[in-house]
Amino acid sequence: MNEVANPSLPYEHHVLICTNLRPDGRPSCSSSGAHELLSAAKRKLAEMGKPETLRANASGCLGRLGRCEHGPVMVIYPANLWFSCKTPQQVDRIIEQHLLCPD
């Protein structure tokens, strides 16, 4: 494994996107396009060319924003930044703002 700023963490940034699907048909992140957004996040991180320090994964219900109706939900760790995203363009913008040019 390559060396990163905090050797106890495997990645400098980890993007999780909820892909939970409610079996009863109520709105959920999966039914709101989460898989397309996960693909967009993986593409964007690959474009950044640092696979050893950046990672995007699917997750189960993150339960953070209160209701699945606000999904898909995305979180960036270790910064603990939470977002509700609707389009691949929003995912790109968030990744650019917080991973390419973090404040």
Protein backbone atom coordinates (compact mmCIF):
# COMPACT_ATOMS: atom_id res chain seq x y z
CA MET A 1 0.00 0.00 0.00
CA ASN A 2 1.26 3.49 -0.81
CA GLU A 3 1.94 5.95 1.96
CA VAL A 4 -0.80 8.54 2.65
CA ALA A 5 -1.08 11.47 5.05
CA ASN A 6 -2.53 9.27 7.81
CA PRO A 7 -1.07 5.77 7.51
CA SER A 8 -3.90 4.33 9.63
CA LEU A 9 -6.43 5.27 6.93
CA PRO A 10 -6.32 3.33 3.66
CA TYR A 11 -7.61 6.31 1.62
CA GLU A 12 -7.28 10.06 1.93
CA HIS A 13 -10.92 10.40 0.84
CA HIS A 14 -13.69 7.82 0.71
CA VAL A 15 -16.96 8.64 -1.09
CA LEU A 16 -19.98 6.55 -0.13
CA ILE A 17 -23.24 6.66 -2.04
CA CYS A 18 -26.31 4.99 -0.62
CA THR A 19 -27.77 2.42 -3.02
CA ASN A 20 -30.42 1.11 -0.62
CA LEU A 21 -33.64 -0.16 -2.22
CA ARG A 22 -36.76 -0.28 -0.06
CA PRO A 23 -38.63 -3.51 -0.79
CA ASP A 24 -42.05 -1.93 -0.23
CA GLY A 25 -41.72 0.49 -3.15
CA ARG A 26 -41.35 3.68 -1.11
CA PRO A 27 -38.79 6.18 -2.46
CA SER A 28 -35.20 5.18 -1.82
CA CYS A 29 -31.74 6.13 -2.96
CA SER A 30 -31.56 3.22 -5.40
CA SER A 31 -34.88 4.06 -7.01
CA SER A 32 -33.74 7.69 -7.32
CA GLY A 33 -30.73 6.95 -9.52
CA ALA A 34 -27.99 6.14 -7.01
CA HIS A 35 -26.25 3.60 -9.25
CA GLU A 36 -25.82 6.20 -12.01
CA LEU A 37 -24.37 8.62 -9.45
CA LEU A 38 -22.00 5.98 -8.10
CA SER A 39 -20.74 5.35 -11.64
CA ALA A 40 -20.25 9.10 -12.08
CA ALA A 41 -18.29 9.33 -8.82
CA LYS A 42 -16.06 6.42 -9.80
CA ARG A 43 -15.43 8.00 -13.22
CA LYS A 44 -14.60 11.38 -11.69
CA LEU A 45 -12.21 9.88 -9.14
CA ALA A 46 -10.52 7.83 -11.88
CA GLU A 47 -10.02 11.02 -13.90
CA MET A 48 -8.20 12.50 -10.92
CA GLY A 49 -5.57 9.77 -11.32
CA LYS A 50 -4.97 8.90 -7.68
CA PRO A 51 -6.57 5.46 -7.20
CA GLU A 52 -4.39 4.66 -4.22
CA THR A 53 -5.81 7.60 -2.22
CA LEU A 54 -9.40 8.06 -3.49
CA ARG A 55 -12.23 5.54 -3.41
CA ALA A 56 -15.98 5.48 -4.17
CA ASN A 57 -18.24 2.69 -2.95
CA ALA A 58 -21.90 1.79 -2.71
CA SER A 59 -23.34 1.66 0.78
CA GLY A 60 -26.51 0.58 2.46
CA CYS A 61 -28.84 3.12 4.04
CA LEU A 62 -26.87 6.00 5.51
CA GLY A 63 -29.91 7.28 7.41
CA ARG A 64 -28.40 10.73 7.87
CA LEU A 65 -30.68 13.20 6.14
CA GLY A 66 -33.82 11.82 7.74
CA ARG A 67 -35.75 10.47 4.80
CA CYS A 68 -34.89 8.44 1.75
CA GLU A 69 -37.00 10.92 -0.22
CA HIS A 70 -33.98 13.25 -0.08
CA GLY A 71 -31.71 10.69 -1.74
CA PRO A 72 -29.51 9.64 -3.20
CA VAL A 73 -27.33 10.48 -0.23
CA MET A 74 -23.55 10.83 -0.58
CA VAL A 75 -20.95 11.24 2.17
CA ILE A 76 -17.25 12.04 1.90
CA TYR A 77 -14.96 10.78 4.64
CA PRO A 78 -12.91 11.60 6.60
CA ALA A 79 -14.28 15.15 6.21
CA ASN A 80 -17.79 13.96 7.19
CA LEU A 81 -19.43 15.98 4.40
CA TRP A 82 -23.02 14.94 3.59
CA PHE A 83 -24.93 15.68 0.39
CA SER A 84 -28.17 14.91 -1.37
CA CYS A 85 -27.39 14.53 -5.07
CA LYS A 86 -29.75 14.21 -8.01
CA THR A 87 -27.48 14.30 -11.09
CA PRO A 88 -24.03 13.11 -12.17
CA GLN A 89 -23.15 16.77 -12.73
CA GLN A 90 -23.82 17.51 -9.05
CA VAL A 91 -21.55 14.61 -8.06
CA ASP A 92 -18.80 15.96 -10.34
CA ARG A 93 -19.15 19.46 -8.87
CA ILE A 94 -19.03 18.21 -5.28
CA ILE A 95 -15.96 16.07 -5.93
CA GLU A 96 -14.22 18.96 -7.70
CA GLN A 97 -15.04 21.39 -4.88
CA HIS A 98 -14.12 19.13 -1.98
CA LEU A 99 -11.42 16.82 -3.32
CA LEU A 100 -9.67 18.83 -6.03
CA CYS A 101 -9.78 22.17 -4.20
CA PRO A 102 -10.50 21.46 -0.52
CA ASP A 103 -10.62 24.46 1.79
